[in-house]
Amino acid sequence: MAHFDLRLMSSSEIREVKAMAEFDYNALAELFPSRGRMRQRQSFGYKRFAKAAQAIRFAMEDMPRACLVGAFLEVNGRRYGSHDISRLYKSTDYPLRRRSAL
C-alpha cells in the first residue's frame, strides 16, 4: 500500500487518496463512453460488468486509447475518470493478471 503525507495534501487530494484506497474491485461497475466530439467514431457504448476489475481491464486493454479519454467508470455511486482508471489498473491492489505492460 502506498504511503502519503496527508499534511502536504489539499482536502480534495486527501479524499481522492482515501477513495482509491477503499476501491472495491469486486463491485458491480458501469463503463460509460466519452460524450465528446469523437462520439461518432467510438467503438463502444455503455457497458456493465459484474466486477470493477473486469471493467478496468476492458478499458485499459481492449478499448482504443482515444476512446478512454473522457470515458468514466461508475462503481458504488462514485465516478472515476480515465486517469483514475489508469491508476486503479496500475495499482498493486489490482486483482487480475495484466495482459501486457502498459
PDB file of N, CA and C in Angstrom:
ATOM      1  N   MET A   1       0.848  -1.181   0.000  1.00  0.00           N
ATOM      2  CA  MET A   1       0.000   0.000   0.000  1.00  0.00           C
ATOM      3  C   MET A   1       0.890   1.239   0.000  1.00  0.00           C
ATOM      4  N   ALA A   2       0.537   2.205  -0.810  1.00  0.00           N
ATOM      5  CA  ALA A   2       1.305   3.440  -0.891  1.00  0.00           C
ATOM      6  C   ALA A   2       1.087   4.280   0.358  1.00  0.00           C
ATOM      7  N   HIS A   3       2.116   5.009   0.741  1.00  0.00           N
ATOM      8  CA  HIS A   3       2.019   5.893   1.907  1.00  0.00           C
ATOM      9  C   HIS A   3       2.121   7.330   1.435  1.00  0.00           C
ATOM     10  N   PHE A   4       1.280   8.183   1.966  1.00  0.00           N
ATOM     11  CA  PHE A   4       1.238   9.581   1.582  1.00  0.00           C
ATOM     12  C   PHE A   4       1.312  10.440   2.834  1.00  0.00           C
ATOM     13  N   ASP A   5       1.976  11.562   2.728  1.00  0.00           N
ATOM     14  CA  ASP A   5       1.997  12.530   3.825  1.00  0.00           C
ATOM     15  C   ASP A   5       0.768  13.423   3.657  1.00  0.00           C
ATOM     16  N   LEU A   6      -0.283  13.109   4.406  1.00  0.00           N
ATOM     17  CA  LEU A   6      -1.544  13.824   4.261  1.00  0.00           C
ATOM     18  C   LEU A   6      -1.432  15.291   4.651  1.00  0.00           C
ATOM     19  N   ARG A   7      -0.425  15.639   5.436  1.00  0.00           N
ATOM     20  CA  ARG A   7      -0.253  17.040   5.837  1.00  0.00           C
ATOM     21  C   ARG A   7       0.099  17.933   4.650  1.00  0.00           C
ATOM     22  N   LEU A   8       0.626  17.351   3.592  1.00  0.00           N
ATOM     23  CA  LEU A   8       1.050  18.118   2.423  1.00  0.00           C
ATOM     24  C   LEU A   8      -0.005  18.143   1.314  1.00  0.00           C
ATOM     25  N   MET A   9      -1.175  17.588   1.587  1.00  0.00           N
ATOM     26  CA  MET A   9      -2.210  17.478   0.558  1.00  0.00           C
ATOM     27  C   MET A   9      -3.388  18.387   0.868  1.00  0.00           C
ATOM     28  N   SER A  10      -4.067  18.773  -0.218  1.00  0.00           N
ATOM     29  CA  SER A  10      -5.307  19.536  -0.054  1.00  0.00           C
ATOM     30  C   SER A  10      -6.414  18.570   0.360  1.00  0.00           C
ATOM     31  N   SER A  11      -7.535  19.093   0.810  1.00  0.00           N
ATOM     32  CA  SER A  11      -8.636  18.229   1.241  1.00  0.00           C
ATOM     33  C   SER A  11      -9.175  17.397   0.076  1.00  0.00           C
ATOM     34  N   SER A  12      -9.195  17.944  -1.131  1.00  0.00           N
ATOM     35  CA  SER A  12      -9.685  17.164  -2.277  1.00  0.00           C
ATOM     36  C   SER A  12      -8.697  16.044  -2.626  1.00  0.00           C
ATOM     37  N   GLU A  13      -7.410  16.292  -2.489  1.00  0.00           N
ATOM     38  CA  GLU A  13      -6.413  15.243  -2.740  1.00  0.00           C
ATOM     39  C   GLU A  13      -6.526  14.137  -1.693  1.00  0.00           C
ATOM     40  N   ILE A  14      -6.798  14.509  -0.450  1.00  0.00           N
ATOM     41  CA  ILE A  14      -6.963  13.522   0.616  1.00  0.00           C
ATOM     42  C   ILE A  14      -8.172  12.644   0.331  1.00  0.00           C
ATOM     43  N   ARG A  15      -9.282  13.253  -0.090  1.00  0.00           N
ATOM     44  CA  ARG A  15     -10.476  12.475  -0.434  1.00  0.00           C
ATOM     45  C   ARG A  15     -10.188  11.503  -1.568  1.00  0.00           C
ATOM     46  N   GLU A  16      -9.430  11.944  -2.562  1.00  0.00           N
ATOM     47  CA  GLU A  16      -9.103  11.089  -3.704  1.00  0.00           C
ATOM     48  C   GLU A  16      -8.247   9.905  -3.267  1.00  0.00           C
ATOM     49  N   VAL A  17      -7.251  10.149  -2.434  1.00  0.00           N
ATOM     50  CA  VAL A  17      -6.383   9.077  -1.939  1.00  0.00           C
ATOM     51  C   VAL A  17      -7.199   8.063  -1.151  1.00  0.00           C
ATOM     52  N   LYS A  18      -8.091   8.539  -0.288  1.00  0.00           N
ATOM     53  CA  LYS A  18      -8.930   7.634   0.504  1.00  0.00           C
ATOM     54  C   LYS A  18      -9.859   6.822  -0.389  1.00  0.00           C
ATOM     55  N   ALA A  19     -10.444   7.457  -1.400  1.00  0.00           N
ATOM     56  CA  ALA A  19     -11.357   6.752  -2.306  1.00  0.00           C
ATOM     57  C   ALA A  19     -10.625   5.650  -3.056  1.00  0.00           C
ATOM     58  N   MET A  20      -9.420   5.926  -3.498  1.00  0.00           N
ATOM     59  CA  MET A  20      -8.643   4.914  -4.219  1.00  0.00           C
ATOM     60  C   MET A  20      -8.261   3.768  -3.279  1.00  0.00           C
ATOM     61  N   ALA A  21      -7.927   4.079  -2.039  1.00  0.00           N
ATOM     62  CA  ALA A  21      -7.545   3.055  -1.070  1.00  0.00           C
ATOM     63  C   ALA A  21      -8.719   2.151  -0.717  1.00  0.00           C
ATOM     64  N   GLU A  22      -9.937   2.683  -0.769  1.00  0.00           N
ATOM     65  CA  GLU A  22     -11.134   1.933  -0.407  1.00  0.00           C
ATOM     66  C   GLU A  22     -11.840   1.323  -1.615  1.00  0.00           C
ATOM     67  N   PHE A  23     -11.257   1.394  -2.787  1.00  0.00           N
ATOM     68  CA  PHE A  23     -11.899   0.935  -4.013  1.00  0.00           C
ATOM     69  C   PHE A  23     -12.179  -0.565  -3.949  1.00  0.00           C
ATOM     70  N   ASP A  24     -13.396  -0.964  -4.359  1.00  0.00           N
ATOM     71  CA  ASP A  24     -13.819  -2.364  -4.351  1.00  0.00           C
ATOM     72  C   ASP A  24     -13.772  -2.917  -5.772  1.00  0.00           C
ATOM     73  N   TYR A  25     -12.728  -3.670  -6.075  1.00  0.00           N
ATOM     74  CA  TYR A  25     -12.563  -4.254  -7.404  1.00  0.00           C
ATOM     75  C   TYR A  25     -13.612  -5.321  -7.716  1.00  0.00           C
ATOM     76  N   ASN A  26     -14.320  -5.814  -6.693  1.00  0.00           N
ATOM     77  CA  ASN A  26     -15.323  -6.859  -6.886  1.00  0.00           C
ATOM     78  C   ASN A  26     -16.742  -6.318  -7.027  1.00  0.00           C
ATOM     79  N   ALA A  27     -16.909  -5.017  -6.926  1.00  0.00           N
ATOM     80  CA  ALA A  27     -18.241  -4.411  -7.015  1.00  0.00           C
ATOM     81  C   ALA A  27     -18.711  -4.332  -8.471  1.00  0.00           C
ATOM     82  N   LEU A  28     -20.017  -4.282  -8.641  1.00  0.00           N
ATOM     83  CA  LEU A  28     -20.626  -4.069  -9.951  1.00  0.00           C
ATOM     84  C   LEU A  28     -20.121  -2.747 -10.522  1.00  0.00           C
ATOM     85  N   ALA A  29     -19.854  -2.705 -11.822  1.00  0.00           N
ATOM     86  CA  ALA A  29     -19.322  -1.484 -12.430  1.00  0.00           C
ATOM     87  C   ALA A  29     -19.991  -1.200 -13.766  1.00  0.00           C
ATOM     88  N   GLU A  30     -20.078   0.091 -14.076  1.00  0.00           N
ATOM     89  CA  GLU A  30     -20.609   0.538 -15.359  1.00  0.00           C
ATOM     90  C   GLU A  30     -19.567   1.427 -16.017  1.00  0.00           C
ATOM     91  N   LEU A  31     -19.320   1.181 -17.292  1.00  0.00           N
ATOM     92  CA  LEU A  31     -18.346   1.955 -18.052  1.00  0.00           C
ATOM     93  C   LEU A  31     -19.104   2.765 -19.100  1.00  0.00           C
ATOM     94  N   PHE A  32     -18.890   4.072 -19.077  1.00  0.00           N
ATOM     95  CA  PHE A  32     -19.591   4.978 -19.978  1.00  0.00           C
ATOM     96  C   PHE A  32     -18.601   5.599 -20.958  1.00  0.00           C
ATOM     97  N   PRO A  33     -18.985   5.719 -22.227  1.00  0.00           N
ATOM     98  CA  PRO A  33     -18.104   6.349 -23.219  1.00  0.00           C
ATOM     99  C   PRO A  33     -18.026   7.853 -23.000  1.00  0.00           C
ATOM    100  N   SER A  34     -17.070   8.462 -23.637  1.00  0.00           N
ATOM    101  CA  SER A  34     -16.942   9.921 -23.578  1.00  0.00           C
ATOM    102  C   SER A  34     -18.141  10.554 -24.281  1.00  0.00           C
ATOM    103  N   ARG A  35     -18.472  11.758 -23.879  1.00  0.00           N
ATOM    104  CA  ARG A  35     -19.593  12.474 -24.511  1.00  0.00           C
ATOM    105  C   ARG A  35     -19.095  13.506 -25.514  1.00  0.00           C
ATOM    106  N   GLY A  36     -17.821  13.477 -25.792  1.00  0.00           N
ATOM    107  CA  GLY A  36     -17.206  14.482 -26.641  1.00  0.00           C
ATOM    108  C   GLY A  36     -17.489  14.314 -28.117  1.00  0.00           C
ATOM    109  N   ARG A  37     -16.763  15.066 -28.902  1.00  0.00           N
ATOM    110  CA  ARG A  37     -16.989  15.104 -30.344  1.00  0.00           C
ATOM    111  C   ARG A  37     -16.560  13.826 -31.061  1.00  0.00           C
ATOM    112  N   MET A  38     -15.829  12.941 -30.390  1.00  0.00           N
ATOM    113  CA  MET A  38     -15.414  11.685 -31.022  1.00  0.00           C
ATOM    114  C   MET A  38     -16.514  10.628 -30.966  1.00  0.00           C
ATOM    115  N   ARG A  39     -17.664  10.987 -30.480  1.00  0.00           N
ATOM    116  CA  ARG A  39     -18.754  10.038 -30.282  1.00  0.00           C
ATOM    117  C   ARG A  39     -19.052   9.208 -31.546  1.00  0.00           C
ATOM    118  N   GLN A  40     -19.007   9.838 -32.708  1.00  0.00           N
ATOM    119  CA  GLN A  40     -19.323   9.122 -33.943  1.00  0.00           C
ATOM    120  C   GLN A  40     -18.301   8.015 -34.243  1.00  0.00           C
ATOM    121  N   ARG A  41     -17.075   8.200 -33.771  1.00  0.00           N
ATOM    122  CA  ARG A  41     -16.020   7.235 -34.073  1.00  0.00           C
ATOM    123  C   ARG A  41     -15.792   6.217 -32.965  1.00  0.00           C
ATOM    124  N   GLN A  42     -16.565   6.246 -31.905  1.00  0.00           N
ATOM    125  CA  GLN A  42     -16.349   5.349 -30.787  1.00  0.00           C
ATOM    126  C   GLN A  42     -16.678   3.915 -31.161  1.00  0.00           C
ATOM    127  N   SER A  43     -15.875   3.025 -30.635  1.00  0.00           N
ATOM    128  CA  SER A  43     -16.087   1.608 -30.922  1.00  0.00           C
ATOM    129  C   SER A  43     -16.831   0.910 -29.790  1.00  0.00           C
ATOM    130  N   PHE A  44     -17.276   1.648 -28.793  1.00  0.00           N
ATOM    131  CA  PHE A  44     -18.028   1.030 -27.715  1.00  0.00           C
ATOM    132  C   PHE A  44     -19.052   2.006 -27.171  1.00  0.00           C
ATOM    133  N   GLY A  45     -20.048   1.445 -26.550  1.00  0.00           N
ATOM    134  CA  GLY A  45     -21.060   2.248 -25.873  1.00  0.00           C
ATOM    135  C   GLY A  45     -21.057   1.869 -24.405  1.00  0.00           C
ATOM    136  N   TYR A  46     -22.127   2.141 -23.721  1.00  0.00           N
ATOM    137  CA  TYR A  46     -22.265   1.788 -22.308  1.00  0.00           C
ATOM    138  C   TYR A  46     -22.072   0.290 -22.120  1.00  0.00           C
ATOM    139  N   LYS A  47     -21.319  -0.085 -21.103  1.00  0.00           N
ATOM    140  CA  LYS A  47     -21.133  -1.500 -20.767  1.00  0.00           C
ATOM    141  C   LYS A  47     -21.239  -1.672 -19.261  1.00  0.00           C
ATOM    142  N   ARG A  48     -21.823  -2.795 -18.878  1.00  0.00           N
ATOM    143  CA  ARG A  48     -21.980  -3.129 -17.460  1.00  0.00           C
ATOM    144  C   ARG A  48     -21.149  -4.383 -17.186  1.00  0.00           C
ATOM    145  N   PHE A  49     -20.463  -4.400 -16.047  1.00  0.00           N
ATOM    146  CA  PHE A  49     -19.582  -5.511 -15.698  1.00  0.00           C
ATOM    147  C   PHE A  49     -19.926  -6.031 -14.306  1.00  0.00           C
ATOM    148  N   ALA A  50     -19.808  -7.334 -14.117  1.00  0.00           N
ATOM    149  CA  ALA A  50     -20.079  -7.948 -12.817  1.00  0.00           C
ATOM    150  C   ALA A  50     -19.050  -7.498 -11.775  1.00  0.00           C
ATOM    151  N   LYS A  51     -17.837  -7.210 -12.225  1.00  0.00           N
ATOM    152  CA  LYS A  51     -16.780  -6.773 -11.310  1.00  0.00           C
ATOM    153  C   LYS A  51     -16.036  -5.577 -11.896  1.00  0.00           C
ATOM    154  N   ALA A  52     -15.710  -4.637 -11.040  1.00  0.00           N
ATOM    155  CA  ALA A  52     -14.996  -3.431 -11.474  1.00  0.00           C
ATOM    156  C   ALA A  52     -13.653  -3.783 -12.105  1.00  0.00           C
ATOM    157  N   ALA A  53     -12.988  -4.801 -11.588  1.00  0.00           N
ATOM    158  CA  ALA A  53     -11.688  -5.196 -12.144  1.00  0.00           C
ATOM    159  C   ALA A  53     -11.819  -5.564 -13.621  1.00  0.00           C
ATOM    160  N   GLN A  54     -12.923  -6.206 -13.997  1.00  0.00           N
ATOM    161  CA  GLN A  54     -13.143  -6.572 -15.402  1.00  0.00           C
ATOM    162  C   GLN A  54     -13.363  -5.327 -16.262  1.00  0.00           C
ATOM    163  N   ALA A  55     -14.080  -4.354 -15.729  1.00  0.00           N
ATOM    164  CA  ALA A  55     -14.314  -3.110 -16.466  1.00  0.00           C
ATOM    165  C   ALA A  55     -13.008  -2.361 -16.674  1.00  0.00           C
ATOM    166  N   ILE A  56     -12.176  -2.334 -15.648  1.00  0.00           N
ATOM    167  CA  ILE A  56     -10.883  -1.660 -15.738  1.00  0.00           C
ATOM    168  C   ILE A  56     -10.005  -2.356 -16.768  1.00  0.00           C
ATOM    169  N   ARG A  57     -10.006  -3.680 -16.755  1.00  0.00           N
ATOM    170  CA  ARG A  57      -9.218  -4.427 -17.742  1.00  0.00           C
ATOM    171  C   ARG A  57      -9.703  -4.112 -19.158  1.00  0.00           C
ATOM    172  N   PHE A  58     -11.016  -4.117 -19.366  1.00  0.00           N
ATOM    173  CA  PHE A  58     -11.564  -3.799 -20.684  1.00  0.00           C
ATOM    174  C   PHE A  58     -11.120  -2.405 -21.125  1.00  0.00           C
ATOM    175  N   ALA A  59     -11.235  -1.432 -20.233  1.00  0.00           N
ATOM    176  CA  ALA A  59     -10.869  -0.050 -20.574  1.00  0.00           C
ATOM    177  C   ALA A  59      -9.392   0.071 -20.926  1.00  0.00           C
ATOM    178  N   MET A  60      -8.543  -0.597 -20.184  1.00  0.00           N
ATOM    179  CA  MET A  60      -7.096  -0.451 -20.384  1.00  0.00           C
ATOM    180  C   MET A  60      -6.529  -1.358 -21.475  1.00  0.00           C
ATOM    181  N   GLU A  61      -7.127  -2.516 -21.678  1.00  0.00           N
ATOM    182  CA  GLU A  61      -6.538  -3.479 -22.606  1.00  0.00           C
ATOM    183  C   GLU A  61      -7.287  -3.632 -23.929  1.00  0.00           C
ATOM    184  N   ASP A  62      -8.583  -3.346 -23.940  1.00  0.00           N
ATOM    185  CA  ASP A  62      -9.378  -3.597 -25.143  1.00  0.00           C
ATOM    186  C   ASP A  62      -9.843  -2.339 -25.875  1.00  0.00           C
ATOM    187  N   MET A  63     -10.063  -1.270 -25.144  1.00  0.00           N
ATOM    188  CA  MET A  63     -10.538  -0.030 -25.770  1.00  0.00           C
ATOM    189  C   MET A  63      -9.391   0.705 -26.453  1.00  0.00           C
ATOM    190  N   PRO A  64      -9.649   1.334 -27.582  1.00  0.00           N
ATOM    191  CA  PRO A  64      -8.621   2.203 -28.176  1.00  0.00           C
ATOM    192  C   PRO A  64      -8.323   3.352 -27.216  1.00  0.00           C
ATOM    193  N   ARG A  65      -7.076   3.759 -27.112  1.00  0.00           N
ATOM    194  CA  ARG A  65      -6.667   4.832 -26.200  1.00  0.00           C
ATOM    195  C   ARG A  65      -7.504   6.096 -26.390  1.00  0.00           C
ATOM    196  N   ALA A  66      -7.823   6.422 -27.632  1.00  0.00           N
ATOM    197  CA  ALA A  66      -8.594   7.642 -27.906  1.00  0.00           C
ATOM    198  C   ALA A  66      -9.975   7.583 -27.264  1.00  0.00           C
ATOM    199  N   CYS A  67     -10.529   6.383 -27.119  1.00  0.00           N
ATOM    200  CA  CYS A  67     -11.856   6.229 -26.509  1.00  0.00           C
ATOM    201  C   CYS A  67     -11.801   6.331 -24.989  1.00  0.00           C
ATOM    202  N   LEU A  68     -10.640   6.060 -24.403  1.00  0.00           N
ATOM    203  CA  LEU A  68     -10.513   6.125 -22.949  1.00  0.00           C
ATOM    204  C   LEU A  68     -10.607   7.563 -22.454  1.00  0.00           C
ATOM    205  N   VAL A  69     -10.093   8.496 -23.246  1.00  0.00           N
ATOM    206  CA  VAL A  69     -10.141   9.907 -22.856  1.00  0.00           C
ATOM    207  C   VAL A  69     -11.601  10.356 -22.797  1.00  0.00           C
ATOM    208  N   GLY A  70     -12.028  10.809 -21.654  1.00  0.00           N
ATOM    209  CA  GLY A  70     -13.398  11.261 -21.476  1.00  0.00           C
ATOM    210  C   GLY A  70     -14.355  10.180 -20.992  1.00  0.00           C
ATOM    211  N   ALA A  71     -13.943   8.909 -21.065  1.00  0.00           N
ATOM    212  CA  ALA A  71     -14.786   7.831 -20.564  1.00  0.00           C
ATOM    213  C   ALA A  71     -14.721   7.831 -19.034  1.00  0.00           C
ATOM    214  N   PHE A  72     -15.735   7.245 -18.402  1.00  0.00           N
ATOM    215  CA  PHE A  72     -15.664   7.124 -16.949  1.00  0.00           C
ATOM    216  C   PHE A  72     -16.300   5.826 -16.482  1.00  0.00           C
ATOM    217  N   LEU A  73     -15.850   5.418 -15.313  1.00  0.00           N
ATOM    218  CA  LEU A  73     -16.295   4.201 -14.666  1.00  0.00           C
ATOM    219  C   LEU A  73     -17.123   4.599 -13.454  1.00  0.00           C
ATOM    220  N   GLU A  74     -18.255   3.953 -13.253  1.00  0.00           N
ATOM    221  CA  GLU A  74     -19.053   4.222 -12.059  1.00  0.00           C
ATOM    222  C   GLU A  74     -19.141   2.949 -11.220  1.00  0.00           C
ATOM    223  N   VAL A  75     -18.701   3.073  -9.956  1.00  0.00           N
ATOM    224  CA  VAL A  75     -18.683   1.958  -9.021  1.00  0.00           C
ATOM    225  C   VAL A  75     -19.223   2.453  -7.686  1.00  0.00           C
ATOM    226  N   ASN A  76     -20.235   1.777  -7.172  1.00  0.00           N
ATOM    227  CA  ASN A  76     -20.825   2.158  -5.880  1.00  0.00           C
ATOM    228  C   ASN A  76     -21.209   3.633  -5.815  1.00  0.00           C
ATOM    229  N   GLY A  77     -21.744   4.150  -6.911  1.00  0.00           N
ATOM    230  CA  GLY A  77     -22.214   5.527  -6.952  1.00  0.00           C
ATOM    231  C   GLY A  77     -21.125   6.579  -7.101  1.00  0.00           C
ATOM    232  N   ARG A  78     -19.880   6.161  -7.260  1.00  0.00           N
ATOM    233  CA  ARG A  78     -18.774   7.102  -7.423  1.00  0.00           C
ATOM    234  C   ARG A  78     -18.222   6.981  -8.841  1.00  0.00           C
ATOM    235  N   ARG A  79     -17.886   8.130  -9.436  1.00  0.00           N
ATOM    236  CA  ARG A  79     -17.345   8.143 -10.799  1.00  0.00           C
ATOM    237  C   ARG A  79     -15.826   8.264 -10.797  1.00  0.00           C
ATOM    238  N   TYR A  80     -15.212   7.519 -11.712  1.00  0.00           N
ATOM    239  CA  TYR A  80     -13.763   7.515 -11.871  1.00  0.00           C
ATOM    240  C   TYR A  80     -13.449   7.830 -13.326  1.00  0.00           C
ATOM    241  N   GLY A  81     -12.646   8.852 -13.555  1.00  0.00           N
ATOM    242  CA  GLY A  81     -12.274   9.252 -14.901  1.00  0.00           C
ATOM    243  C   GLY A  81     -11.138   8.420 -15.462  1.00  0.00           C
ATOM    244  N   SER A  82     -10.690   8.768 -16.646  1.00  0.00           N
ATOM    245  CA  SER A  82      -9.656   7.980 -17.326  1.00  0.00           C
ATOM    246  C   SER A  82      -8.347   7.905 -16.538  1.00  0.00           C
ATOM    247  N   HIS A  83      -7.957   8.994 -15.863  1.00  0.00           N
ATOM    248  CA  HIS A  83      -6.728   8.960 -15.056  1.00  0.00           C
ATOM    249  C   HIS A  83      -6.899   8.023 -13.864  1.00  0.00           C
ATOM    250  N   ASP A  84      -8.080   8.048 -13.268  1.00  0.00           N
ATOM    251  CA  ASP A  84      -8.366   7.152 -12.143  1.00  0.00           C
ATOM    252  C   ASP A  84      -8.350   5.694 -12.592  1.00  0.00           C
ATOM    253  N   ILE A  85      -8.943   5.425 -13.738  1.00  0.00           N
ATOM    254  CA  ILE A  85      -8.984   4.060 -14.271  1.00  0.00           C
ATOM    255  C   ILE A  85      -7.562   3.551 -14.473  1.00  0.00           C
ATOM    256  N   SER A  86      -6.714   4.387 -15.023  1.00  0.00           N
ATOM    257  CA  SER A  86      -5.320   4.014 -15.239  1.00  0.00           C
ATOM    258  C   SER A  86      -4.613   3.732 -13.913  1.00  0.00           C
ATOM    259  N   ARG A  87      -4.829   4.582 -12.917  1.00  0.00           N
ATOM    260  CA  ARG A  87      -4.204   4.378 -11.600  1.00  0.00           C
ATOM    261  C   ARG A  87      -4.698   3.094 -10.943  1.00  0.00           C
ATOM    262  N   LEU A  88      -5.991   2.818 -11.064  1.00  0.00           N
ATOM    263  CA  LEU A  88      -6.537   1.591 -10.484  1.00  0.00           C
ATOM    264  C   LEU A  88      -5.959   0.354 -11.164  1.00  0.00           C
ATOM    265  N   TYR A  89      -5.757   0.428 -12.470  1.00  0.00           N
ATOM    266  CA  TYR A  89      -5.179  -0.683 -13.228  1.00  0.00           C
ATOM    267  C   TYR A  89      -3.720  -0.924 -12.823  1.00  0.00           C
ATOM    268  N   LYS A  90      -2.986   0.157 -12.609  1.00  0.00           N
ATOM    269  CA  LYS A  90      -1.562   0.053 -12.265  1.00  0.00           C
ATOM    270  C   LYS A  90      -1.315  -0.226 -10.784  1.00  0.00           C
ATOM    271  N   SER A  91      -2.361  -0.142  -9.979  1.00  0.00           N
ATOM    272  CA  SER A  91      -2.239  -0.349  -8.540  1.00  0.00           C
ATOM    273  C   SER A  91      -1.793  -1.777  -8.211  1.00  0.00           C
ATOM    274  N   THR A  92      -1.035  -1.912  -7.137  1.00  0.00           N
ATOM    275  CA  THR A  92      -0.650  -3.245  -6.674  1.00  0.00           C
ATOM    276  C   THR A  92      -1.860  -4.017  -6.145  1.00  0.00           C
ATOM    277  N   ASP A  93      -2.956  -3.322  -5.871  1.00  0.00           N
ATOM    278  CA  ASP A  93      -4.190  -3.965  -5.395  1.00  0.00           C
ATOM    279  C   ASP A  93      -5.028  -4.551  -6.530  1.00  0.00           C
ATOM    280  N   TYR A  94      -4.705  -4.202  -7.783  1.00  0.00           N
ATOM    281  CA  TYR A  94      -5.480  -4.699  -8.923  1.00  0.00           C
ATOM    282  C   TYR A  94      -5.412  -6.225  -8.927  1.00  0.00           C
ATOM    283  N   PRO A  95      -6.569  -6.918  -8.883  1.00  0.00           N
ATOM    284  CA  PRO A  95      -6.573  -8.364  -8.653  1.00  0.00           C
ATOM    285  C   PRO A  95      -6.375  -9.271  -9.874  1.00  0.00           C
ATOM    286  N   LEU A  96      -6.505  -8.743 -11.079  1.00  0.00           N
ATOM    287  CA  LEU A  96      -6.408  -9.580 -12.268  1.00  0.00           C
ATOM    288  C   LEU A  96      -5.005  -9.540 -12.873  1.00  0.00           C
ATOM    289  N   ARG A  97      -4.703 -10.572 -13.621  1.00  0.00           N
ATOM    290  CA  ARG A  97      -3.421 -10.626 -14.332  1.00  0.00           C
ATOM    291  C   ARG A  97      -3.492  -9.659 -15.511  1.00  0.00           C
ATOM    292  N   ARG A  98      -2.488  -8.843 -15.679  1.00  0.00           N
ATOM    293  CA  ARG A  98      -2.439  -7.894 -16.785  1.00  0.00           C
ATOM    294  C   ARG A  98      -1.911  -8.592 -18.026  1.00  0.00           C
ATOM    295  N   ARG A  99      -2.506  -8.265 -19.181  1.00  0.00           N
ATOM    296  CA  ARG A  99      -2.068  -8.897 -20.438  1.00  0.00           C
ATOM    297  C   ARG A  99      -0.671  -8.473 -20.834  1.00  0.00           C
ATOM    298  N   SER A 100      -0.386  -7.186 -20.683  1.00  0.00           N
ATOM    299  CA  SER A 100       0.923  -6.682 -21.072  1.00  0.00           C
ATOM    300  C   SER A 100       1.221  -5.426 -20.277  1.00  0.00           C
ATOM    301  N   ALA A 101       2.474  -5.055 -20.262  1.00  0.00           N
ATOM    302  CA  ALA A 101       2.848  -3.824 -19.560  1.00  0.00           C
ATOM    303  C   ALA A 101       2.365  -2.627 -20.373  1.00  0.00           C
ATOM    304  N   LEU A 102       1.635  -1.701 -19.734  1.00  0.00           N
ATOM    305  CA  LEU A 102       1.134  -0.514 -20.436  1.00  0.00           C
ATOM    306  C   LEU A 102       1.880   0.701 -19.972  1.00  0.00           C
TER     307      LEU A 102
END
